[in-house]
N, C-alpha and C. Protein backbone atom coordinates (compact mmCIF):
# COMPACT_ATOMS: atom_id res chain seq x y z
N MET A 1 57.02 16.21 47.37
CA MET A 1 56.63 16.36 45.90
C MET A 1 57.77 15.92 45.06
N LYS A 2 57.46 15.14 44.03
CA LYS A 2 58.51 14.58 43.18
C LYS A 2 59.16 15.68 42.23
N GLU A 3 60.51 15.82 42.22
CA GLU A 3 61.14 16.79 41.52
C GLU A 3 60.94 16.60 39.96
N GLY A 4 60.65 17.70 39.34
CA GLY A 4 60.35 17.65 37.82
C GLY A 4 61.68 17.54 37.10
N LYS A 5 61.55 17.27 35.80
CA LYS A 5 62.61 17.06 34.95
C LYS A 5 63.45 18.33 34.85
N VAL A 6 62.81 19.42 34.67
CA VAL A 6 63.62 20.71 34.49
C VAL A 6 64.47 20.91 35.66
N ALA A 7 63.82 20.74 36.99
CA ALA A 7 64.58 20.96 38.24
C ALA A 7 65.77 19.97 38.32
N ARG A 8 65.53 18.66 37.92
CA ARG A 8 66.54 17.77 38.00
C ARG A 8 67.73 18.05 37.11
N VAL A 9 67.43 18.52 35.82
CA VAL A 9 68.50 18.98 34.92
C VAL A 9 69.32 20.09 35.57
N ALA A 10 68.63 21.09 36.02
CA ALA A 10 69.34 22.21 36.58
C ALA A 10 70.15 21.83 37.84
N ARG A 11 69.53 21.02 38.62
CA ARG A 11 70.27 20.59 39.97
C ARG A 11 71.39 19.74 39.61
N LYS A 12 71.29 18.78 38.67
CA LYS A 12 72.54 18.05 38.39
C LYS A 12 73.72 18.75 37.82
N GLY A 13 73.28 19.87 36.93
CA GLY A 13 74.36 20.53 36.34
C GLY A 13 74.99 21.50 37.48
N ALA A 14 74.13 21.98 38.37
CA ALA A 14 74.67 22.82 39.42
C ALA A 14 75.65 22.06 40.39
N LYS A 15 75.31 20.82 40.61
CA LYS A 15 76.09 19.86 41.36
C LYS A 15 77.50 19.67 40.92
N ARG A 16 77.54 19.51 39.49
CA ARG A 16 78.83 19.30 38.81
C ARG A 16 79.59 20.57 38.84
N ALA A 17 78.92 21.83 38.86
CA ALA A 17 79.66 23.04 38.87
C ALA A 17 79.98 23.48 40.34
N GLY A 18 79.40 22.87 41.23
CA GLY A 18 79.48 23.26 42.67
C GLY A 18 78.69 24.46 42.99
N VAL A 19 77.50 24.55 42.41
CA VAL A 19 76.62 25.65 42.62
C VAL A 19 75.29 25.16 43.30
N SER A 20 74.93 26.03 44.35
CA SER A 20 73.70 25.67 45.08
C SER A 20 72.48 26.39 44.51
N LEU A 21 71.41 25.67 44.15
CA LEU A 21 70.28 26.24 43.38
C LEU A 21 69.23 26.66 44.33
N SER A 22 68.60 27.82 44.09
CA SER A 22 67.33 28.22 44.81
C SER A 22 66.41 28.59 43.61
N LYS A 23 65.24 29.11 44.03
CA LYS A 23 64.29 29.57 42.87
C LYS A 23 64.72 30.71 42.05
N SER A 24 65.66 31.51 42.58
CA SER A 24 66.16 32.66 41.96
C SER A 24 66.98 32.26 40.74
N SER A 25 66.79 33.00 39.64
CA SER A 25 67.66 32.78 38.42
C SER A 25 69.05 33.06 38.79
N SER A 26 69.49 33.97 39.72
CA SER A 26 70.81 34.27 40.02
C SER A 26 71.49 32.97 40.58
N SER A 27 70.87 31.95 40.94
CA SER A 27 71.49 30.78 41.56
C SER A 27 72.06 29.81 40.45
N TYR A 28 71.51 30.02 39.20
CA TYR A 28 71.91 29.11 38.14
C TYR A 28 73.36 29.51 37.62
N HIS A 29 74.14 28.58 37.41
CA HIS A 29 75.38 28.58 36.56
C HIS A 29 74.91 28.84 35.17
N HIS A 30 75.64 29.62 34.33
CA HIS A 30 75.39 30.03 32.98
C HIS A 30 74.88 28.75 32.14
N GLY A 31 75.73 27.80 32.14
CA GLY A 31 75.38 26.56 31.37
C GLY A 31 74.18 25.80 31.92
N ASP A 32 74.09 25.84 33.20
CA ASP A 32 72.93 25.19 33.81
C ASP A 32 71.63 25.70 33.44
N LEU A 33 71.54 27.08 33.37
CA LEU A 33 70.49 27.73 33.06
C LEU A 33 69.97 27.47 31.71
N GLN A 34 70.97 27.40 30.74
CA GLN A 34 70.57 27.05 29.35
C GLN A 34 70.05 25.63 29.30
N ASP A 35 70.60 24.72 30.04
CA ASP A 35 70.12 23.35 30.10
C ASP A 35 68.76 23.32 30.64
N ALA A 36 68.49 24.04 31.68
CA ALA A 36 67.16 24.06 32.23
C ALA A 36 66.12 24.63 31.26
N LEU A 37 66.52 25.76 30.59
CA LEU A 37 65.53 26.27 29.63
C LEU A 37 65.25 25.34 28.41
N ILE A 38 66.29 24.61 27.98
CA ILE A 38 66.01 23.59 26.92
C ILE A 38 65.22 22.48 27.50
N ALA A 39 65.37 22.02 28.62
CA ALA A 39 64.53 21.04 29.20
C ALA A 39 63.10 21.47 29.48
N ALA A 40 62.93 22.63 29.71
CA ALA A 40 61.57 23.29 29.91
C ALA A 40 60.85 23.27 28.48
N THR A 41 61.63 23.73 27.52
CA THR A 41 61.17 23.72 26.16
C THR A 41 60.70 22.34 25.75
N GLU A 42 61.42 21.34 25.96
CA GLU A 42 61.06 19.92 25.68
C GLU A 42 59.79 19.55 26.28
N GLU A 43 59.59 19.91 27.57
CA GLU A 43 58.36 19.65 28.23
C GLU A 43 57.14 20.30 27.50
N ILE A 44 57.31 21.55 27.21
CA ILE A 44 56.24 22.25 26.47
C ILE A 44 55.99 21.65 25.17
N LEU A 45 56.91 21.33 24.41
CA LEU A 45 56.77 20.74 23.04
C LEU A 45 56.06 19.44 23.09
N ALA A 46 56.38 18.63 24.17
CA ALA A 46 55.69 17.25 24.31
C ALA A 46 54.29 17.44 24.61
N VAL A 47 53.80 18.60 25.20
CA VAL A 47 52.43 18.58 25.64
C VAL A 47 51.64 19.56 24.58
N GLN A 48 52.27 20.72 24.22
CA GLN A 48 51.59 21.67 23.44
C GLN A 48 52.10 21.88 21.95
N GLY A 49 53.17 21.39 21.72
CA GLY A 49 53.75 21.43 20.28
C GLY A 49 54.46 22.93 20.22
N ALA A 50 55.04 23.14 19.14
CA ALA A 50 55.72 24.35 18.87
C ALA A 50 54.72 25.67 18.83
N GLU A 51 53.46 25.31 18.35
CA GLU A 51 52.42 26.35 18.32
C GLU A 51 52.17 26.92 19.74
N GLY A 52 52.31 26.10 20.67
CA GLY A 52 51.91 26.49 22.01
C GLY A 52 53.05 26.97 22.82
N PHE A 53 54.28 27.13 22.23
CA PHE A 53 55.41 27.45 23.04
C PHE A 53 55.49 28.98 23.18
N THR A 54 55.90 29.31 24.39
CA THR A 54 56.26 30.78 24.64
C THR A 54 57.44 30.83 25.51
N LEU A 55 58.27 31.92 25.44
CA LEU A 55 59.41 32.04 26.31
C LEU A 55 59.03 32.24 27.72
N ARG A 56 57.90 32.97 27.96
CA ARG A 56 57.49 33.06 29.34
C ARG A 56 57.14 31.72 30.12
N GLU A 57 56.47 30.86 29.32
CA GLU A 57 56.16 29.53 29.84
C GLU A 57 57.48 28.77 30.09
N ALA A 58 58.45 28.88 29.28
CA ALA A 58 59.75 28.11 29.44
C ALA A 58 60.49 28.74 30.65
N ALA A 59 60.40 30.10 30.84
CA ALA A 59 60.96 30.69 32.03
C ALA A 59 60.26 30.17 33.28
N ARG A 60 58.94 30.14 33.27
CA ARG A 60 58.29 29.73 34.44
C ARG A 60 58.58 28.33 34.83
N ARG A 61 58.63 27.54 33.89
CA ARG A 61 58.98 26.02 34.16
C ARG A 61 60.36 25.89 34.67
N ALA A 62 61.22 26.72 34.18
CA ALA A 62 62.69 26.67 34.65
C ALA A 62 62.85 27.36 35.91
N GLY A 63 61.93 28.17 36.33
CA GLY A 63 62.02 28.85 37.69
C GLY A 63 62.86 30.12 37.58
N VAL A 64 62.89 30.80 36.46
CA VAL A 64 63.72 31.93 36.18
C VAL A 64 62.90 33.11 35.89
N SER A 65 63.51 34.26 35.65
CA SER A 65 62.82 35.52 35.30
C SER A 65 62.40 35.40 33.87
N PRO A 66 61.22 36.09 33.53
CA PRO A 66 60.66 36.09 32.18
C PRO A 66 61.82 36.56 31.08
N GLY A 67 62.68 37.35 31.43
CA GLY A 67 63.62 37.84 30.62
C GLY A 67 64.94 37.00 30.43
N ALA A 68 65.01 35.94 31.24
CA ALA A 68 66.14 35.05 31.11
C ALA A 68 66.32 34.29 29.79
N PRO A 69 65.21 33.64 29.21
CA PRO A 69 65.40 33.04 27.96
C PRO A 69 65.90 34.04 26.88
N ALA A 70 65.41 35.15 26.73
CA ALA A 70 65.67 36.06 25.62
C ALA A 70 67.20 36.48 25.80
N HIS A 71 67.73 36.55 27.07
CA HIS A 71 69.13 36.92 27.31
C HIS A 71 69.96 35.88 26.72
N HIS A 72 69.67 34.64 26.82
CA HIS A 72 70.53 33.45 26.38
C HIS A 72 70.27 33.10 25.00
N PHE A 73 69.11 33.26 24.42
CA PHE A 73 68.75 32.75 23.10
C PHE A 73 68.15 33.65 22.12
N GLY A 74 68.00 34.99 22.60
CA GLY A 74 67.53 36.04 21.78
C GLY A 74 66.07 36.19 21.63
N ASN A 75 65.40 35.10 21.25
CA ASN A 75 63.89 35.13 21.13
C ASN A 75 63.41 33.64 21.04
N ALA A 76 62.18 33.51 20.85
CA ALA A 76 61.54 32.07 20.96
C ALA A 76 62.25 31.32 19.82
N SER A 77 62.38 31.85 18.77
CA SER A 77 62.88 31.06 17.50
C SER A 77 64.39 30.66 17.89
N GLY A 78 65.06 31.43 18.56
CA GLY A 78 66.44 31.13 18.96
C GLY A 78 66.43 29.93 19.86
N LEU A 79 65.61 29.85 20.86
CA LEU A 79 65.49 28.81 21.74
C LEU A 79 65.03 27.46 21.10
N LEU A 80 63.97 27.63 20.27
CA LEU A 80 63.40 26.47 19.59
C LEU A 80 64.53 25.91 18.52
N THR A 81 65.25 26.76 17.91
CA THR A 81 66.34 26.40 17.01
C THR A 81 67.31 25.60 17.66
N GLU A 82 67.67 25.95 18.87
CA GLU A 82 68.72 25.22 19.77
C GLU A 82 68.17 23.89 20.02
N VAL A 83 66.96 23.75 20.32
CA VAL A 83 66.35 22.44 20.65
C VAL A 83 66.40 21.60 19.39
N ALA A 84 66.06 22.21 18.26
CA ALA A 84 66.00 21.40 17.06
C ALA A 84 67.46 20.96 16.68
N ILE A 85 68.41 21.77 16.87
CA ILE A 85 69.89 21.41 16.75
C ILE A 85 70.22 20.28 17.43
N LEU A 86 69.94 20.21 18.75
CA LEU A 86 70.19 19.12 19.67
C LEU A 86 69.50 17.76 19.20
N GLY A 87 68.25 18.14 18.67
CA GLY A 87 67.36 16.97 18.13
C GLY A 87 68.20 16.29 17.06
N TYR A 88 68.56 17.08 16.14
CA TYR A 88 69.32 16.58 14.83
C TYR A 88 70.59 15.71 15.24
N GLN A 89 71.28 16.35 16.24
CA GLN A 89 72.59 15.77 16.79
C GLN A 89 72.21 14.43 17.33
N GLU A 90 71.13 14.42 18.10
CA GLU A 90 70.84 13.10 18.73
C GLU A 90 70.33 12.11 17.69
N LEU A 91 69.60 12.57 16.72
CA LEU A 91 69.16 11.63 15.68
C LEU A 91 70.24 11.09 14.95
N ALA A 92 71.38 11.89 14.61
CA ALA A 92 72.57 11.54 13.96
C ALA A 92 73.21 10.46 14.65
N ARG A 93 73.31 10.54 15.92
CA ARG A 93 73.97 9.49 16.77
C ARG A 93 73.24 8.27 16.79
N ALA A 94 71.94 8.30 16.78
CA ALA A 94 71.03 7.15 16.91
C ALA A 94 71.22 6.46 15.55
N LEU A 95 71.23 7.04 14.44
CA LEU A 95 71.40 6.48 13.11
C LEU A 95 72.70 5.90 12.97
N LYS A 96 73.75 6.61 13.47
CA LYS A 96 75.10 6.06 13.37
C LYS A 96 75.27 4.72 14.25
N ASN A 97 74.71 4.80 15.48
CA ASN A 97 74.83 3.61 16.26
C ASN A 97 74.04 2.48 15.60
N ALA A 98 72.86 2.68 15.04
CA ALA A 98 72.08 1.65 14.47
C ALA A 98 72.81 0.96 13.29
N ALA A 99 73.53 1.80 12.63
CA ALA A 99 74.31 1.23 11.46
C ALA A 99 75.46 0.42 11.92
N SER A 100 76.17 0.88 12.97
CA SER A 100 77.29 0.14 13.47
C SER A 100 77.01 -1.26 13.97
N GLU A 101 75.78 -1.52 14.28
CA GLU A 101 75.37 -2.85 14.86
C GLU A 101 74.94 -3.77 13.81
N LYS A 102 74.95 -3.41 12.47
CA LYS A 102 74.63 -4.44 11.38
C LYS A 102 75.68 -4.73 10.54
N ALA A 103 75.55 -5.79 9.85
CA ALA A 103 76.52 -6.36 8.91
C ALA A 103 76.36 -5.75 7.48
N SER A 104 75.32 -6.05 6.81
CA SER A 104 75.19 -5.60 5.47
C SER A 104 74.53 -4.32 5.34
N ALA A 105 74.69 -3.69 4.10
CA ALA A 105 74.10 -2.37 4.03
C ALA A 105 72.59 -2.30 4.11
N LYS A 106 71.89 -3.36 3.72
CA LYS A 106 70.47 -3.37 3.80
C LYS A 106 70.14 -3.54 5.33
N GLN A 107 70.86 -4.37 6.08
CA GLN A 107 70.55 -4.51 7.50
C GLN A 107 70.78 -3.22 8.32
N ARG A 108 71.87 -2.45 7.75
CA ARG A 108 72.02 -1.13 8.37
C ARG A 108 70.90 -0.20 8.08
N LEU A 109 70.39 -0.24 6.83
CA LEU A 109 69.29 0.61 6.44
C LEU A 109 68.00 0.26 7.31
N HIS A 110 67.81 -1.04 7.40
CA HIS A 110 66.59 -1.35 8.29
C HIS A 110 66.86 -0.91 9.75
N GLY A 111 68.04 -1.09 10.31
CA GLY A 111 68.31 -0.59 11.60
C GLY A 111 68.15 0.90 11.87
N GLN A 112 68.53 1.61 10.85
CA GLN A 112 68.40 3.09 10.84
C GLN A 112 66.92 3.56 10.70
N GLY A 113 66.22 2.78 9.91
CA GLY A 113 64.75 3.10 9.84
C GLY A 113 64.08 2.95 11.08
N LEU A 114 64.33 1.88 11.85
CA LEU A 114 63.83 1.67 13.17
C LEU A 114 64.24 2.65 14.19
N ALA A 115 65.56 3.00 14.13
CA ALA A 115 66.00 3.94 15.06
C ALA A 115 65.36 5.40 14.76
N TYR A 116 65.07 5.72 13.53
CA TYR A 116 64.42 6.93 13.18
C TYR A 116 63.12 7.02 13.84
N LEU A 117 62.34 5.81 13.69
CA LEU A 117 60.99 5.72 14.24
C LEU A 117 61.13 5.80 15.74
N ARG A 118 61.88 5.16 16.39
CA ARG A 118 61.97 5.27 17.81
C ARG A 118 62.36 6.61 18.38
N PHE A 119 63.14 7.29 17.62
CA PHE A 119 63.46 8.70 18.03
C PHE A 119 62.16 9.51 17.99
N ALA A 120 61.43 9.42 16.88
CA ALA A 120 60.14 10.14 16.68
C ALA A 120 59.12 9.77 17.81
N LEU A 121 59.05 8.55 18.15
CA LEU A 121 58.13 8.16 19.18
C LEU A 121 58.47 8.57 20.54
N ARG A 122 59.77 8.63 20.81
CA ARG A 122 60.35 9.20 22.05
C ARG A 122 60.17 10.74 22.25
N HIS A 123 60.31 11.36 21.15
CA HIS A 123 60.37 12.80 21.23
C HIS A 123 59.49 13.36 20.09
N PRO A 124 58.16 13.23 20.32
CA PRO A 124 57.29 13.67 19.24
C PRO A 124 57.25 15.20 19.05
N GLY A 125 57.16 15.91 20.09
CA GLY A 125 57.27 17.34 19.99
C GLY A 125 58.48 17.84 19.37
N ARG A 126 59.63 17.31 19.76
CA ARG A 126 60.88 17.76 19.23
C ARG A 126 60.98 17.40 17.73
N PHE A 127 60.50 16.15 17.45
CA PHE A 127 60.57 15.61 16.01
C PHE A 127 59.68 16.54 15.19
N ARG A 128 58.62 16.85 15.59
CA ARG A 128 57.73 17.81 14.66
C ARG A 128 58.44 19.15 14.50
N LEU A 129 59.07 19.59 15.56
CA LEU A 129 59.63 21.00 15.53
C LEU A 129 60.83 20.89 14.46
N MET A 130 61.58 19.82 14.57
CA MET A 130 62.82 19.74 13.73
C MET A 130 62.38 19.83 12.15
N PHE A 131 61.31 19.35 11.73
CA PHE A 131 60.89 19.46 10.36
C PHE A 131 59.90 20.45 10.10
N SER A 132 59.72 21.54 10.93
CA SER A 132 58.90 22.68 10.69
C SER A 132 59.65 23.93 10.84
N ASN A 133 59.72 24.64 9.67
CA ASN A 133 60.43 25.82 9.56
C ASN A 133 59.73 27.11 10.13
N SER A 134 58.49 26.90 10.55
CA SER A 134 57.68 28.10 10.76
C SER A 134 58.27 28.82 12.02
N ARG A 135 58.80 28.18 13.00
CA ARG A 135 59.34 28.87 14.24
C ARG A 135 60.76 28.73 14.48
N LEU A 136 61.39 28.23 13.40
CA LEU A 136 62.85 28.11 13.53
C LEU A 136 63.66 29.25 12.75
N LEU A 137 64.91 29.39 13.16
CA LEU A 137 65.73 30.28 12.36
C LEU A 137 66.26 29.57 11.21
N SER A 138 65.46 29.64 10.02
CA SER A 138 65.83 28.82 8.84
C SER A 138 67.14 29.07 8.32
N ASP A 139 67.68 30.12 8.58
CA ASP A 139 69.09 30.53 7.96
C ASP A 139 70.21 30.23 8.94
N ASP A 140 69.89 29.58 9.99
CA ASP A 140 71.03 29.33 11.03
C ASP A 140 71.89 28.30 10.42
N PRO A 141 73.21 28.48 10.24
CA PRO A 141 74.15 27.54 9.65
C PRO A 141 74.31 26.26 10.61
N ARG A 142 74.24 26.46 11.94
CA ARG A 142 74.37 25.27 12.91
C ARG A 142 73.18 24.34 12.61
N LEU A 143 72.01 24.98 12.36
CA LEU A 143 70.79 24.00 12.16
C LEU A 143 71.00 23.24 10.83
N HIS A 144 71.48 23.92 9.77
CA HIS A 144 71.78 23.26 8.49
C HIS A 144 72.76 22.14 8.60
N ALA A 145 73.86 22.47 9.47
CA ALA A 145 74.92 21.52 9.61
C ALA A 145 74.43 20.35 10.33
N ALA A 146 73.54 20.52 11.41
CA ALA A 146 73.18 19.46 12.25
C ALA A 146 72.13 18.49 11.44
N ALA A 147 71.36 19.17 10.63
CA ALA A 147 70.33 18.39 9.85
C ALA A 147 71.11 17.62 8.77
N LYS A 148 72.18 18.24 8.14
CA LYS A 148 72.92 17.60 7.06
C LYS A 148 73.65 16.25 7.73
N SER A 149 74.14 16.46 8.95
CA SER A 149 74.88 15.43 9.54
C SER A 149 74.06 14.18 9.87
N ALA A 150 72.75 14.31 10.18
CA ALA A 150 71.81 13.23 10.28
C ALA A 150 71.51 12.54 8.92
N TYR A 151 71.27 13.45 7.91
CA TYR A 151 70.93 12.91 6.59
C TYR A 151 72.22 12.08 5.98
N LEU A 152 73.41 12.62 6.25
CA LEU A 152 74.55 11.93 5.79
C LEU A 152 74.74 10.50 6.37
N GLU A 153 74.28 10.18 7.64
CA GLU A 153 74.30 8.94 8.16
C GLU A 153 73.57 7.92 7.27
N LEU A 154 72.36 8.42 6.89
CA LEU A 154 71.54 7.66 6.03
C LEU A 154 72.16 7.46 4.70
N GLU A 155 72.61 8.51 4.05
CA GLU A 155 73.14 8.51 2.71
C GLU A 155 74.37 7.75 2.66
N THR A 156 75.23 7.65 3.75
CA THR A 156 76.37 6.73 3.74
C THR A 156 75.90 5.27 3.57
N THR A 157 74.88 4.88 4.14
CA THR A 157 74.43 3.52 4.05
C THR A 157 73.79 3.27 2.54
N ILE A 158 73.08 4.31 2.05
CA ILE A 158 72.62 4.18 0.73
C ILE A 158 73.74 4.04 -0.28
N VAL A 159 74.79 4.71 -0.11
CA VAL A 159 75.90 4.59 -1.07
C VAL A 159 76.45 3.22 -1.11
N GLU A 160 76.44 2.58 0.02
CA GLU A 160 76.96 1.18 0.03
C GLU A 160 76.03 0.11 -0.59
N MET A 161 74.70 0.55 -0.66
CA MET A 161 73.66 -0.28 -1.24
C MET A 161 73.66 -0.11 -2.75
N VAL A 162 73.82 1.11 -3.32
CA VAL A 162 73.47 1.42 -4.76
C VAL A 162 74.74 1.71 -5.43
N GLY A 163 75.87 2.06 -4.81
CA GLY A 163 77.12 2.47 -5.48
C GLY A 163 77.22 4.01 -5.54
N GLN A 164 78.05 4.52 -6.42
CA GLN A 164 78.46 5.94 -6.25
C GLN A 164 77.77 6.81 -7.29
N ALA A 165 76.86 6.28 -8.11
CA ALA A 165 76.27 7.05 -9.20
C ALA A 165 75.29 8.08 -8.40
N PRO A 166 75.58 9.42 -8.64
CA PRO A 166 74.94 10.58 -7.91
C PRO A 166 73.40 10.37 -8.09
N ASP A 167 72.92 10.16 -9.24
CA ASP A 167 71.41 10.08 -9.39
C ASP A 167 70.86 8.97 -8.66
N ASP A 168 71.49 7.83 -8.68
CA ASP A 168 70.99 6.56 -7.88
C ASP A 168 71.02 6.91 -6.44
N ILE A 169 72.04 7.57 -5.88
CA ILE A 169 72.15 7.96 -4.52
C ILE A 169 71.01 8.85 -4.16
N GLU A 170 70.77 9.92 -4.87
CA GLU A 170 69.86 10.84 -4.57
C GLU A 170 68.39 10.30 -4.48
N ILE A 171 68.07 9.50 -5.43
CA ILE A 171 66.81 8.88 -5.63
C ILE A 171 66.52 7.81 -4.44
N ALA A 172 67.54 6.95 -4.23
CA ALA A 172 67.42 5.99 -3.14
C ALA A 172 67.34 6.67 -1.74
N SER A 173 68.22 7.64 -1.56
CA SER A 173 68.18 8.34 -0.31
C SER A 173 66.83 9.04 0.01
N ILE A 174 66.32 9.73 -0.98
CA ILE A 174 65.11 10.40 -0.83
C ILE A 174 63.95 9.40 -0.59
N SER A 175 64.13 8.30 -1.32
CA SER A 175 62.98 7.25 -1.13
C SER A 175 62.97 6.65 0.27
N ALA A 176 64.15 6.38 0.74
CA ALA A 176 64.28 5.69 2.10
C ALA A 176 63.89 6.78 3.09
N TRP A 177 64.27 8.07 2.99
CA TRP A 177 63.96 8.89 4.04
C TRP A 177 62.45 9.24 3.96
N SER A 178 61.89 9.35 2.80
CA SER A 178 60.49 9.69 2.69
C SER A 178 59.63 8.60 3.19
N ALA A 179 60.03 7.31 2.94
CA ALA A 179 59.29 6.18 3.41
C ALA A 179 59.27 6.15 5.08
N VAL A 180 60.51 6.27 5.67
CA VAL A 180 60.53 6.13 7.09
C VAL A 180 59.91 7.37 7.77
N HIS A 181 60.19 8.56 7.16
CA HIS A 181 59.66 9.87 7.76
C HIS A 181 58.15 9.85 7.63
N GLY A 182 57.58 9.49 6.61
CA GLY A 182 56.15 9.41 6.35
C GLY A 182 55.53 8.35 7.33
N PHE A 183 56.18 7.30 7.42
CA PHE A 183 55.64 6.29 8.44
C PHE A 183 55.66 6.75 9.85
N ALA A 184 56.70 7.52 10.31
CA ALA A 184 56.84 8.09 11.61
C ALA A 184 55.71 9.06 11.89
N THR A 185 55.53 10.03 10.92
CA THR A 185 54.54 10.99 10.88
C THR A 185 53.15 10.42 11.13
N LEU A 186 52.80 9.43 10.32
CA LEU A 186 51.54 8.70 10.35
C LEU A 186 51.35 8.13 11.74
N ALA A 187 52.51 7.44 12.37
CA ALA A 187 52.36 6.84 13.58
C ALA A 187 52.09 7.97 14.61
N LEU A 188 52.72 9.06 14.62
CA LEU A 188 52.50 10.18 15.58
C LEU A 188 51.11 10.68 15.43
N GLU A 189 50.59 10.69 14.21
CA GLU A 189 49.19 11.27 14.09
C GLU A 189 48.11 10.17 14.34
N GLY A 190 48.44 8.84 14.73
CA GLY A 190 47.57 7.83 14.99
C GLY A 190 46.82 7.37 13.77
N ARG A 191 47.52 7.37 12.60
CA ARG A 191 46.89 7.09 11.36
C ARG A 191 47.25 5.59 10.80
N LEU A 192 47.86 4.71 11.77
CA LEU A 192 48.13 3.43 11.26
C LEU A 192 47.17 2.36 11.60
N GLY A 193 45.95 2.80 12.01
CA GLY A 193 44.93 1.84 12.29
C GLY A 193 44.75 1.61 13.80
N LYS A 194 43.62 1.13 14.21
CA LYS A 194 43.32 0.88 15.58
C LYS A 194 44.12 -0.17 16.20
N LYS A 195 44.53 -1.20 15.39
CA LYS A 195 45.26 -2.34 16.12
C LYS A 195 46.67 -1.84 16.53
N ALA A 196 47.27 -1.03 15.67
CA ALA A 196 48.64 -0.62 16.07
C ALA A 196 48.43 0.44 17.24
N ALA A 197 47.48 1.24 17.23
CA ALA A 197 47.19 2.19 18.34
C ALA A 197 46.99 1.45 19.67
N VAL A 198 46.32 0.36 19.63
CA VAL A 198 46.04 -0.41 20.84
C VAL A 198 47.25 -1.15 21.36
N LYS A 199 48.01 -1.76 20.46
CA LYS A 199 49.12 -2.50 20.84
C LYS A 199 50.29 -1.73 21.20
N GLY A 200 50.40 -0.46 20.78
CA GLY A 200 51.43 0.55 21.20
C GLY A 200 52.71 0.51 20.33
N GLN A 201 53.77 1.01 20.95
CA GLN A 201 54.85 1.35 20.14
C GLN A 201 55.58 0.07 19.56
N ALA A 202 55.50 -0.98 20.31
CA ALA A 202 56.20 -2.15 19.91
C ALA A 202 55.61 -2.68 18.63
N ALA A 203 54.21 -2.58 18.64
CA ALA A 203 53.59 -3.11 17.38
C ALA A 203 53.83 -2.11 16.15
N ILE A 204 53.90 -0.80 16.47
CA ILE A 204 54.22 0.21 15.45
C ILE A 204 55.62 -0.14 14.75
N THR A 205 56.46 -0.33 15.76
CA THR A 205 57.92 -0.61 15.23
C THR A 205 57.97 -1.96 14.39
N ALA A 206 57.25 -2.93 14.91
CA ALA A 206 57.27 -4.17 14.09
C ALA A 206 56.71 -4.04 12.79
N LEU A 207 55.62 -3.21 12.67
CA LEU A 207 54.94 -2.91 11.47
C LEU A 207 55.98 -2.17 10.50
N LEU A 208 56.75 -1.26 10.94
CA LEU A 208 57.73 -0.67 10.07
C LEU A 208 58.81 -1.77 9.59
N GLY A 209 59.23 -2.55 10.60
CA GLY A 209 60.15 -3.55 10.20
C GLY A 209 59.63 -4.44 8.99
N ARG A 210 58.33 -4.73 9.04
CA ARG A 210 57.76 -5.44 7.87
C ARG A 210 57.62 -4.64 6.67
N MET A 211 57.37 -3.36 6.77
CA MET A 211 57.42 -2.58 5.62
C MET A 211 58.67 -2.51 4.94
N LEU A 212 59.74 -2.30 5.74
CA LEU A 212 61.15 -2.14 5.34
C LEU A 212 61.52 -3.42 4.57
N GLU A 213 61.09 -4.68 5.04
CA GLU A 213 61.47 -5.94 4.49
C GLU A 213 60.68 -5.98 3.11
N ASN A 214 59.52 -5.42 2.97
CA ASN A 214 58.79 -5.47 1.83
C ASN A 214 59.49 -4.68 0.70
N ILE A 215 59.97 -3.42 1.08
CA ILE A 215 60.58 -2.60 0.15
C ILE A 215 62.07 -2.91 -0.18
N TRP A 216 62.80 -3.34 0.96
CA TRP A 216 64.20 -3.72 0.71
C TRP A 216 64.50 -5.11 1.37
N PRO A 217 64.12 -6.11 0.73
CA PRO A 217 64.13 -7.53 1.39
C PRO A 217 65.66 -7.73 1.67
N LEU A 218 65.83 -8.32 2.85
CA LEU A 218 67.19 -8.71 3.20
C LEU A 218 67.81 -9.83 2.58
N ASP A 219 66.95 -10.79 1.88
CA ASP A 219 67.48 -11.94 1.34
C ASP A 219 67.75 -11.78 -0.09
N ARG A 220 67.75 -10.53 -0.68
CA ARG A 220 68.06 -10.22 -2.11
C ARG A 220 69.29 -9.29 -2.21
């Protein structure tokens, strides 16, 4: 039987730590158990969304006792918040890398928009979770810091485009974020038309590229 993602995560971590894994939760190294629970949460989010997430199901997928997730994360919101934090951190890296590959500010903005969409398409469950406060610890300072770090990657590009005027930066940043986030949300909901749905992610990405060119033309 092919080894699942959760099992692979735990086994790789255990190998690094020199730990032998069995189905018992006592076989997990502390950090490996957290990684396995996070991977299990990712799997649940991808299939059932945050609404269908339970600590018991995360524990079952990770092969640990039902009480193990609560011991490490407190409750369901604690574990989901950790996954959202990791999501924002990964998104920030993707936006930073996309900007570093381009020359002009507009090119960087285009690249970041496409990177934002690709992140959403790769991790739909996590993406939806990150922007839903209903099951997250909304007052967690680490969550706020991670979200801000991702937003600042976009804002840095906007500053280069429009200058230092605070009002211009705020309006342009919100406009860019709203346009790309709205497009990504429509894509995940299958609202971009039958042609895009049939042709798949490459066509959806190309469609966003055309939209960005229409809003922020590269030759101006």
